[in-house]
């Protein structure tokens, strides 16, 4: 996606990314973590504000720093970097609330023609995985990098 994004800093394994959101509420440190699950090559994407005291993610805070598209573009950039290193991986994302999961859907839907060039996108609906549909609410999303 050719959208503005924040500069990412990553650990050596490319599983932890940090960046700083900048907007009307100031500079807010953010974290993106790709955490292994019990399924082979299946990672959970955790995202939120970085708690300066603990260094951990707080995914309950609503920053409203007026930069949602830039933040989402930065998350996609981190997924691209991660899946370059781990091309067989699936990345799962679900918001900490239904409204945040809906924001992910809206972001995917808005840029679907670009996102689908790079990723296979599936949606969690109960026990099923369905191809992406932009007008339905889902519980989460899983993406895998397309191979060329």
C-alpha atoms as a PDB file:
ATOM      1  CA  UNK A   1       0.000   0.000   0.000  1.00  0.00           C
ATOM      2  CA  UNK A   2       1.367   3.342  -0.976  1.00  0.00           C
ATOM      3  CA  UNK A   3       0.023   5.269   2.021  1.00  0.00           C
ATOM      4  CA  UNK A   4       1.817   7.329   4.649  1.00  0.00           C
ATOM      5  CA  UNK A   5       3.131   5.186   7.485  1.00  0.00           C
ATOM      6  CA  UNK A   6       5.249   5.602  10.576  1.00  0.00           C
ATOM      7  CA  UNK A   7       8.877   4.499  10.817  1.00  0.00           C
ATOM      8  CA  UNK A   8       9.068   1.053  12.418  1.00  0.00           C
ATOM      9  CA  UNK A   9      11.720  -0.218  14.801  1.00  0.00           C
ATOM     10  CA  UNK A  10      11.897  -4.003  15.099  1.00  0.00           C
ATOM     11  CA  UNK A  11      13.655  -6.605  17.195  1.00  0.00           C
ATOM     12  CA  UNK A  12      16.101  -9.023  15.544  1.00  0.00           C
ATOM     13  CA  UNK A  13      13.441 -11.721  15.080  1.00  0.00           C
ATOM     14  CA  UNK A  14      11.022  -9.244  13.477  1.00  0.00           C
ATOM     15  CA  UNK A  15       8.311 -10.275  15.929  1.00  0.00           C
ATOM     16  CA  UNK A  16       8.149  -7.034  17.925  1.00  0.00           C
ATOM     17  CA  UNK A  17       7.730  -3.657  16.238  1.00  0.00           C
ATOM     18  CA  UNK A  18       7.532  -0.206  17.792  1.00  0.00           C
ATOM     19  CA  UNK A  19       6.506   3.139  16.348  1.00  0.00           C
ATOM     20  CA  UNK A  20       5.239   6.478  17.559  1.00  0.00           C
ATOM     21  CA  UNK A  21       1.838   7.871  16.632  1.00  0.00           C
ATOM     22  CA  UNK A  22       1.881  11.653  16.245  1.00  0.00           C
ATOM     23  CA  UNK A  23      -1.228  13.797  16.327  1.00  0.00           C
ATOM     24  CA  UNK A  24      -3.329  16.228  18.351  1.00  0.00           C
ATOM     25  CA  UNK A  25      -2.902  14.095  21.500  1.00  0.00           C
ATOM     26  CA  UNK A  26       0.884  14.215  21.163  1.00  0.00           C
ATOM     27  CA  UNK A  27       3.369  11.414  20.613  1.00  0.00           C
ATOM     28  CA  UNK A  28       2.017   8.015  21.618  1.00  0.00           C
ATOM     29  CA  UNK A  29       4.305   4.963  21.568  1.00  0.00           C
ATOM     30  CA  UNK A  30       2.749   1.877  19.944  1.00  0.00           C
ATOM     31  CA  UNK A  31       3.631  -1.814  19.875  1.00  0.00           C
ATOM     32  CA  UNK A  32       2.925  -4.570  17.372  1.00  0.00           C
ATOM     33  CA  UNK A  33       3.735  -8.107  18.502  1.00  0.00           C
ATOM     34  CA  UNK A  34       3.516 -11.296  16.443  1.00  0.00           C
ATOM     35  CA  UNK A  35       2.993 -14.050  19.016  1.00  0.00           C
ATOM     36  CA  UNK A  36       3.225 -17.754  18.255  1.00  0.00           C
ATOM     37  CA  UNK A  37       0.099 -19.796  18.857  1.00  0.00           C
ATOM     38  CA  UNK A  38      -0.315 -23.536  19.379  1.00  0.00           C
ATOM     39  CA  UNK A  39      -0.890 -23.917  15.622  1.00  0.00           C
ATOM     40  CA  UNK A  40       2.126 -24.316  13.346  1.00  0.00           C
ATOM     41  CA  UNK A  41       2.932 -21.117  11.420  1.00  0.00           C
ATOM     42  CA  UNK A  42      -0.073 -19.315  12.942  1.00  0.00           C
ATOM     43  CA  UNK A  43       0.665 -16.053  14.762  1.00  0.00           C
ATOM     44  CA  UNK A  44      -1.535 -13.683  16.703  1.00  0.00           C
ATOM     45  CA  UNK A  45      -1.023 -10.004  15.966  1.00  0.00           C
ATOM     46  CA  UNK A  46      -1.269  -7.925  19.126  1.00  0.00           C
ATOM     47  CA  UNK A  47      -1.408  -4.155  18.775  1.00  0.00           C
ATOM     48  CA  UNK A  48      -1.884  -1.224  21.101  1.00  0.00           C
ATOM     49  CA  UNK A  49      -0.315   1.593  23.053  1.00  0.00           C
ATOM     50  CA  UNK A  50       2.966   0.815  24.758  1.00  0.00           C
ATOM     51  CA  UNK A  51       2.759   1.177  28.536  1.00  0.00           C
ATOM     52  CA  UNK A  52       5.905   3.187  29.303  1.00  0.00           C
ATOM     53  CA  UNK A  53       6.196   1.699  32.812  1.00  0.00           C
ATOM     54  CA  UNK A  54       5.783  -1.996  31.971  1.00  0.00           C
ATOM     55  CA  UNK A  55       6.825  -2.028  28.302  1.00  0.00           C
ATOM     56  CA  UNK A  56       3.708  -4.079  27.533  1.00  0.00           C
ATOM     57  CA  UNK A  57       0.799  -3.480  25.196  1.00  0.00           C
ATOM     58  CA  UNK A  58      -2.363  -1.826  26.436  1.00  0.00           C
ATOM     59  CA  UNK A  59      -4.982  -2.666  23.815  1.00  0.00           C
ATOM     60  CA  UNK A  60      -7.866  -1.122  25.742  1.00  0.00           C
ATOM     61  CA  UNK A  61      -6.843   2.538  25.430  1.00  0.00           C
ATOM     62  CA  UNK A  62      -8.573   4.625  22.769  1.00  0.00           C
ATOM     63  CA  UNK A  63      -5.928   7.106  21.615  1.00  0.00           C
ATOM     64  CA  UNK A  64      -7.951   9.023  19.014  1.00  0.00           C
ATOM     65  CA  UNK A  65      -4.792  10.700  17.754  1.00  0.00           C
ATOM     66  CA  UNK A  66      -6.437  11.468  14.394  1.00  0.00           C
ATOM     67  CA  UNK A  67      -4.098   9.152  12.457  1.00  0.00           C
ATOM     68  CA  UNK A  68      -6.050   5.896  12.122  1.00  0.00           C
ATOM     69  CA  UNK A  69      -5.219   5.322   8.444  1.00  0.00           C
ATOM     70  CA  UNK A  70      -1.520   5.994   9.020  1.00  0.00           C
ATOM     71  CA  UNK A  71      -1.535   3.587  11.983  1.00  0.00           C
ATOM     72  CA  UNK A  72      -3.325   0.871   9.968  1.00  0.00           C
ATOM     73  CA  UNK A  73      -0.880   1.387   7.086  1.00  0.00           C
ATOM     74  CA  UNK A  74       1.989   1.004   9.554  1.00  0.00           C
ATOM     75  CA  UNK A  75       0.504  -2.253  10.862  1.00  0.00           C
ATOM     76  CA  UNK A  76       0.234  -3.566   7.288  1.00  0.00           C
ATOM     77  CA  UNK A  77       3.867  -2.564   6.745  1.00  0.00           C
ATOM     78  CA  UNK A  78       4.870  -4.602   9.821  1.00  0.00           C
ATOM     79  CA  UNK A  79       2.890  -7.590   8.505  1.00  0.00           C
ATOM     80  CA  UNK A  80       4.728  -7.305   5.169  1.00  0.00           C
ATOM     81  CA  UNK A  81       8.111  -7.264   6.911  1.00  0.00           C
ATOM     82  CA  UNK A  82       7.124 -10.174   9.184  1.00  0.00           C
ATOM     83  CA  UNK A  83       5.787 -12.304   6.319  1.00  0.00           C
ATOM     84  CA  UNK A  84       8.889 -11.586   4.236  1.00  0.00           C
ATOM     85  CA  UNK A  85      10.912 -13.315   6.957  1.00  0.00           C
ATOM     86  CA  UNK A  86       8.261 -15.954   7.727  1.00  0.00           C
ATOM     87  CA  UNK A  87       6.575 -16.562   4.337  1.00  0.00           C
ATOM     88  CA  UNK A  88       4.603 -19.643   5.437  1.00  0.00           C
ATOM     89  CA  UNK A  89       3.018 -17.852   8.372  1.00  0.00           C
ATOM     90  CA  UNK A  90      -0.588 -16.920   8.870  1.00  0.00           C
ATOM     91  CA  UNK A  91      -1.247 -13.739  10.860  1.00  0.00           C
ATOM     92  CA  UNK A  92      -4.463 -13.517  12.869  1.00  0.00           C
ATOM     93  CA  UNK A  93      -5.904 -10.219  14.087  1.00  0.00           C
ATOM     94  CA  UNK A  94      -8.964  -9.477  16.135  1.00  0.00           C
ATOM     95  CA  UNK A  95      -9.749  -6.253  17.922  1.00  0.00           C
ATOM     96  CA  UNK A  96      -9.933  -6.095  21.703  1.00  0.00           C
ATOM     97  CA  UNK A  97     -13.550  -4.993  21.218  1.00  0.00           C
ATOM     98  CA  UNK A  98     -16.124  -5.598  18.463  1.00  0.00           C
ATOM     99  CA  UNK A  99     -15.799  -1.961  17.371  1.00  0.00           C
ATOM    100  CA  UNK A 100     -12.038  -2.352  16.916  1.00  0.00           C
ATOM    101  CA  UNK A 101     -12.533  -5.540  14.913  1.00  0.00           C
ATOM    102  CA  UNK A 102     -15.000  -3.580  12.778  1.00  0.00           C
ATOM    103  CA  UNK A 103     -12.288  -0.918  12.235  1.00  0.00           C
ATOM    104  CA  UNK A 104      -9.996  -3.642  10.885  1.00  0.00           C
ATOM    105  CA  UNK A 105     -12.766  -4.738   8.504  1.00  0.00           C
ATOM    106  CA  UNK A 106     -13.311  -1.175   7.349  1.00  0.00           C
ATOM    107  CA  UNK A 107      -9.584  -0.723   6.723  1.00  0.00           C
ATOM    108  CA  UNK A 108      -9.319  -3.987   4.779  1.00  0.00           C
ATOM    109  CA  UNK A 109     -12.456  -3.133   2.817  1.00  0.00           C
ATOM    110  CA  UNK A 110     -11.295   0.377   1.942  1.00  0.00           C
ATOM    111  CA  UNK A 111      -7.997  -0.879   0.521  1.00  0.00           C
ATOM    112  CA  UNK A 112      -9.113  -4.381  -0.461  1.00  0.00           C
ATOM    113  CA  UNK A 113      -7.933  -4.149  -4.078  1.00  0.00           C
ATOM    114  CA  UNK A 114      -4.405  -3.366  -2.846  1.00  0.00           C
ATOM    115  CA  UNK A 115      -4.397  -5.753   0.127  1.00  0.00           C
ATOM    116  CA  UNK A 116      -5.577  -8.731  -1.915  1.00  0.00           C
ATOM    117  CA  UNK A 117      -2.598  -8.308  -4.256  1.00  0.00           C
ATOM    118  CA  UNK A 118      -0.284  -9.243  -1.381  1.00  0.00           C
ATOM    119  CA  UNK A 119      -2.387 -11.424   0.926  1.00  0.00           C
ATOM    120  CA  UNK A 120      -4.927 -14.203   1.084  1.00  0.00           C
ATOM    121  CA  UNK A 121      -7.570 -12.923   3.516  1.00  0.00           C
ATOM    122  CA  UNK A 122      -9.930 -15.115   5.515  1.00  0.00           C
ATOM    123  CA  UNK A 123     -12.498 -14.158   8.122  1.00  0.00           C
ATOM    124  CA  UNK A 124     -13.416 -16.011  11.283  1.00  0.00           C
ATOM    125  CA  UNK A 125     -17.135 -16.615  11.666  1.00  0.00           C
ATOM    126  CA  UNK A 126     -17.885 -19.042  14.501  1.00  0.00           C
ATOM    127  CA  UNK A 127     -16.012 -22.241  13.661  1.00  0.00           C
ATOM    128  CA  UNK A 128     -15.747 -21.332   9.969  1.00  0.00           C
ATOM    129  CA  UNK A 129     -13.208 -19.463   7.896  1.00  0.00           C
ATOM    130  CA  UNK A 130     -14.709 -17.556   4.986  1.00  0.00           C
ATOM    131  CA  UNK A 131     -13.241 -15.402   2.225  1.00  0.00           C
ATOM    132  CA  UNK A 132     -13.298 -11.703   3.061  1.00  0.00           C
ATOM    133  CA  UNK A 133     -16.626  -9.898   2.691  1.00  0.00           C
ATOM    134  CA  UNK A 134     -16.609  -6.164   3.292  1.00  0.00           C
ATOM    135  CA  UNK A 135     -20.176  -5.844   4.526  1.00  0.00           C
ATOM    136  CA  UNK A 136     -20.152  -8.498   7.289  1.00  0.00           C
ATOM    137  CA  UNK A 137     -18.900  -8.341  10.842  1.00  0.00           C
ATOM    138  CA  UNK A 138     -16.470 -11.116  11.709  1.00  0.00           C
ATOM    139  CA  UNK A 139     -14.690 -12.206  14.871  1.00  0.00           C
ATOM    140  CA  UNK A 140     -11.230 -11.891  13.364  1.00  0.00           C
ATOM    141  CA  UNK A 141      -9.113 -12.005  10.244  1.00  0.00           C
ATOM    142  CA  UNK A 142      -6.259 -14.237   9.101  1.00  0.00           C
ATOM    143  CA  UNK A 143      -3.903 -13.303   6.306  1.00  0.00           C
ATOM    144  CA  UNK A 144      -1.125 -15.140   4.530  1.00  0.00           C
ATOM    145  CA  UNK A 145       1.330 -13.625   2.102  1.00  0.00           C
ATOM    146  CA  UNK A 146       0.801 -14.660  -1.506  1.00  0.00           C
ATOM    147  CA  UNK A 147       3.712 -16.414  -3.127  1.00  0.00           C
ATOM    148  CA  UNK A 148       4.999 -15.231  -6.463  1.00  0.00           C
END
